[in-house]
Amino acid sequence: MKQVINTEKAPVAIGPYSQAIKANGFVFISGQLPVDPQTGEFVAGGVQEQTQKSLENLQAILAAANLSFDHVVKTTVFLKDMNDFATMNEVYAKYFTKDCPARACVQVAKLPKDALVEIELVAVE
């Protein structure tokens, strides 16, 4: 069985997908953009602020599933520009401090709403 995870503390899905799905002890969280869930708009600033907001949105969804970043086993980071890798990584490292998850980071041609970063993850209970 699968269970939909949803919280008002993260942006609503803008298409036919869920914020997260829990199945067989895993939680799969959809890619999170740097959207303020209260306004529906991107946070002001560059890749540093956008990375932080994307991670805050992921954190809110994890909390809705009664999990934390300690439960994360895999992340994927999508960057508009790989030149922003060091800045993104500096923010990312504040959220994952020990026993860090596996990760892929790729540069993409374009992200929704012209975001600079989008992050998805998989966690385990």
C-alpha atoms as a PDB file:
ATOM      1  CA  MET A   1       0.000   0.000   0.000  1.00  0.00           C
ATOM      2  CA  LYS A   2       0.974   3.567  -0.488  1.00  0.00           C
ATOM      3  CA  GLN A   3       0.064   6.615   1.543  1.00  0.00           C
ATOM      4  CA  VAL A   4       0.010  10.204   0.308  1.00  0.00           C
ATOM      5  CA  ILE A   5       1.906  12.665   2.511  1.00  0.00           C
ATOM      6  CA  ASN A   6       0.753  16.264   2.318  1.00  0.00           C
ATOM      7  CA  THR A   7       1.330  19.389   4.393  1.00  0.00           C
ATOM      8  CA  GLU A   8       0.317  23.029   4.123  1.00  0.00           C
ATOM      9  CA  LYS A   9       3.821  23.925   5.359  1.00  0.00           C
ATOM     10  CA  ALA A  10       5.227  23.167   1.897  1.00  0.00           C
ATOM     11  CA  PRO A  11       4.107  24.330  -1.553  1.00  0.00           C
ATOM     12  CA  VAL A  12       1.079  22.613  -3.027  1.00  0.00           C
ATOM     13  CA  ALA A  13       1.700  20.356  -5.991  1.00  0.00           C
ATOM     14  CA  ILE A  14       1.288  22.266  -9.260  1.00  0.00           C
ATOM     15  CA  GLY A  15       0.431  19.210 -11.314  1.00  0.00           C
ATOM     16  CA  PRO A  16      -0.793  15.629 -11.105  1.00  0.00           C
ATOM     17  CA  TYR A  17       1.646  14.496  -8.399  1.00  0.00           C
ATOM     18  CA  SER A  18       1.861  14.342  -4.601  1.00  0.00           C
ATOM     19  CA  GLN A  19       4.247  16.160  -2.304  1.00  0.00           C
ATOM     20  CA  ALA A  20       5.336  12.731  -1.085  1.00  0.00           C
ATOM     21  CA  ILE A  21       4.389   9.077  -1.117  1.00  0.00           C
ATOM     22  CA  LYS A  22       5.105   6.623   1.692  1.00  0.00           C
ATOM     23  CA  ALA A  23       5.426   2.991   0.576  1.00  0.00           C
ATOM     24  CA  ASN A  24       7.080  -0.067   2.128  1.00  0.00           C
ATOM     25  CA  GLY A  25       8.983   1.975   4.714  1.00  0.00           C
ATOM     26  CA  PHE A  26      10.257   4.529   2.219  1.00  0.00           C
ATOM     27  CA  VAL A  27       9.142   8.119   1.698  1.00  0.00           C
ATOM     28  CA  PHE A  28       9.644   9.542  -1.788  1.00  0.00           C
ATOM     29  CA  ILE A  29       9.460  13.338  -1.795  1.00  0.00           C
ATOM     30  CA  SER A  30       8.846  15.166  -5.054  1.00  0.00           C
ATOM     31  CA  GLY A  31      11.294  17.812  -6.175  1.00  0.00           C
ATOM     32  CA  GLN A  32      10.918  20.975  -4.146  1.00  0.00           C
ATOM     33  CA  LEU A  33      11.353  24.393  -5.634  1.00  0.00           C
ATOM     34  CA  PRO A  34      12.230  27.472  -3.576  1.00  0.00           C
ATOM     35  CA  VAL A  35       8.583  28.469  -3.216  1.00  0.00           C
ATOM     36  CA  ASP A  36       7.224  30.120  -0.086  1.00  0.00           C
ATOM     37  CA  PRO A  37       4.112  28.057   0.715  1.00  0.00           C
ATOM     38  CA  GLN A  38       2.350  31.119   2.145  1.00  0.00           C
ATOM     39  CA  THR A  39       2.702  33.292  -0.951  1.00  0.00           C
ATOM     40  CA  GLY A  40       3.231  30.744  -3.712  1.00  0.00           C
ATOM     41  CA  GLU A  41       6.170  32.842  -4.913  1.00  0.00           C
ATOM     42  CA  PHE A  42       9.903  32.191  -5.061  1.00  0.00           C
ATOM     43  CA  VAL A  43      11.985  33.508  -2.192  1.00  0.00           C
ATOM     44  CA  ALA A  44      14.060  36.553  -2.997  1.00  0.00           C
ATOM     45  CA  GLY A  45      17.752  36.092  -3.652  1.00  0.00           C
ATOM     46  CA  GLY A  46      20.037  33.764  -5.505  1.00  0.00           C
ATOM     47  CA  VAL A  47      20.998  30.118  -5.331  1.00  0.00           C
ATOM     48  CA  GLN A  48      21.875  30.326  -1.618  1.00  0.00           C
ATOM     49  CA  GLU A  49      18.396  31.493  -0.624  1.00  0.00           C
ATOM     50  CA  GLN A  50      16.711  29.184  -3.128  1.00  0.00           C
ATOM     51  CA  THR A  51      18.630  26.146  -1.854  1.00  0.00           C
ATOM     52  CA  GLN A  52      17.717  26.971   1.727  1.00  0.00           C
ATOM     53  CA  LYS A  53      14.015  27.340   0.877  1.00  0.00           C
ATOM     54  CA  SER A  54      13.959  24.104  -1.122  1.00  0.00           C
ATOM     55  CA  LEU A  55      15.509  22.289   1.857  1.00  0.00           C
ATOM     56  CA  GLU A  56      13.043  23.937   4.271  1.00  0.00           C
ATOM     57  CA  ASN A  57      10.181  22.693   2.097  1.00  0.00           C
ATOM     58  CA  LEU A  58      11.650  19.184   2.130  1.00  0.00           C
ATOM     59  CA  GLN A  59      12.036  19.412   5.905  1.00  0.00           C
ATOM     60  CA  ALA A  60       8.359  20.325   6.299  1.00  0.00           C
ATOM     61  CA  ILE A  61       7.282  17.329   4.235  1.00  0.00           C
ATOM     62  CA  LEU A  62       9.617  15.036   6.173  1.00  0.00           C
ATOM     63  CA  ALA A  63       8.072  16.332   9.413  1.00  0.00           C
ATOM     64  CA  ALA A  64       4.587  15.578   8.054  1.00  0.00           C
ATOM     65  CA  ALA A  65       5.794  11.978   7.654  1.00  0.00           C
ATOM     66  CA  ASN A  66       7.262  12.043  11.209  1.00  0.00           C
ATOM     67  CA  LEU A  67      10.792  11.940   9.806  1.00  0.00           C
ATOM     68  CA  SER A  68      13.844  14.207   9.703  1.00  0.00           C
ATOM     69  CA  PHE A  69      16.904  14.681   7.522  1.00  0.00           C
ATOM     70  CA  ASP A  70      18.518  11.860   9.540  1.00  0.00           C
ATOM     71  CA  HIS A  71      16.172   9.462   7.710  1.00  0.00           C
ATOM     72  CA  VAL A  72      17.219  10.574   4.217  1.00  0.00           C
ATOM     73  CA  VAL A  73      19.071   7.967   2.160  1.00  0.00           C
ATOM     74  CA  LYS A  74      19.224   9.646  -1.277  1.00  0.00           C
ATOM     75  CA  THR A  75      18.893  13.127  -2.706  1.00  0.00           C
ATOM     76  CA  THR A  76      18.990  14.538  -6.197  1.00  0.00           C
ATOM     77  CA  VAL A  77      19.883  18.173  -6.740  1.00  0.00           C
ATOM     78  CA  PHE A  78      19.031  19.855 -10.029  1.00  0.00           C
ATOM     79  CA  LEU A  79      20.952  23.063 -10.733  1.00  0.00           C
ATOM     80  CA  LYS A  80      20.349  25.563 -13.488  1.00  0.00           C
ATOM     81  CA  ASP A  81      24.083  26.320 -13.504  1.00  0.00           C
ATOM     82  CA  MET A  82      26.788  23.964 -12.194  1.00  0.00           C
ATOM     83  CA  ASN A  83      28.841  27.061 -11.378  1.00  0.00           C
ATOM     84  CA  ASP A  84      26.467  27.388  -8.386  1.00  0.00           C
ATOM     85  CA  PHE A  85      27.547  23.986  -7.032  1.00  0.00           C
ATOM     86  CA  ALA A  86      29.831  25.321  -4.275  1.00  0.00           C
ATOM     87  CA  THR A  87      27.215  27.784  -3.017  1.00  0.00           C
ATOM     88  CA  MET A  88      24.475  25.149  -3.062  1.00  0.00           C
ATOM     89  CA  ASN A  89      26.768  22.654  -1.340  1.00  0.00           C
ATOM     90  CA  GLU A  90      27.584  25.124   1.437  1.00  0.00           C
ATOM     91  CA  VAL A  91      23.872  25.494   2.293  1.00  0.00           C
ATOM     92  CA  TYR A  92      23.185  21.771   1.803  1.00  0.00           C
ATOM     93  CA  ALA A  93      25.959  20.884   4.274  1.00  0.00           C
ATOM     94  CA  LYS A  94      24.099  22.735   7.049  1.00  0.00           C
ATOM     95  CA  TYR A  95      21.179  20.292   6.723  1.00  0.00           C
ATOM     96  CA  PHE A  96      23.187  17.082   6.273  1.00  0.00           C
ATOM     97  CA  THR A  97      25.964  17.043   8.861  1.00  0.00           C
ATOM     98  CA  LYS A  98      26.647  13.348   9.551  1.00  0.00           C
ATOM     99  CA  ASP A  99      26.010  10.039   7.836  1.00  0.00           C
ATOM    100  CA  CYS A 100      25.131  12.020   4.726  1.00  0.00           C
ATOM    101  CA  PRO A 101      22.829  10.452   2.147  1.00  0.00           C
ATOM    102  CA  ALA A 102      23.869   9.362  -1.303  1.00  0.00           C
ATOM    103  CA  ARG A 103      23.461  12.211  -3.772  1.00  0.00           C
ATOM    104  CA  ALA A 104      23.442  13.096  -7.424  1.00  0.00           C
ATOM    105  CA  CYS A 105      23.756  16.670  -8.625  1.00  0.00           C
ATOM    106  CA  VAL A 106      23.141  17.580 -12.234  1.00  0.00           C
ATOM    107  CA  GLN A 107      22.891  20.708 -14.323  1.00  0.00           C
ATOM    108  CA  VAL A 108      19.659  20.931 -16.260  1.00  0.00           C
ATOM    109  CA  ALA A 109      18.620  23.069 -19.210  1.00  0.00           C
ATOM    110  CA  LYS A 110      15.649  24.561 -17.393  1.00  0.00           C
ATOM    111  CA  LEU A 111      13.684  24.145 -14.180  1.00  0.00           C
ATOM    112  CA  PRO A 112      10.016  24.988 -13.538  1.00  0.00           C
ATOM    113  CA  LYS A 113       9.392  28.710 -13.182  1.00  0.00           C
ATOM    114  CA  ASP A 114      13.075  29.309 -14.028  1.00  0.00           C
ATOM    115  CA  ALA A 115      14.236  28.177 -10.588  1.00  0.00           C
ATOM    116  CA  LEU A 116      17.959  28.033  -9.912  1.00  0.00           C
ATOM    117  CA  VAL A 117      17.654  24.806  -7.901  1.00  0.00           C
ATOM    118  CA  GLU A 118      15.253  21.940  -7.228  1.00  0.00           C
ATOM    119  CA  ILE A 119      15.859  19.107  -4.763  1.00  0.00           C
ATOM    120  CA  GLU A 120      14.130  15.749  -4.347  1.00  0.00           C
ATOM    121  CA  LEU A 121      14.816  13.014  -1.834  1.00  0.00           C
ATOM    122  CA  VAL A 122      14.112   9.517  -0.573  1.00  0.00           C
ATOM    123  CA  ALA A 123      13.905   8.747   3.138  1.00  0.00           C
ATOM    124  CA  VAL A 124      13.463   5.531   5.082  1.00  0.00           C
ATOM    125  CA  GLU A 125      11.522   5.046   8.298  1.00  0.00           C
END
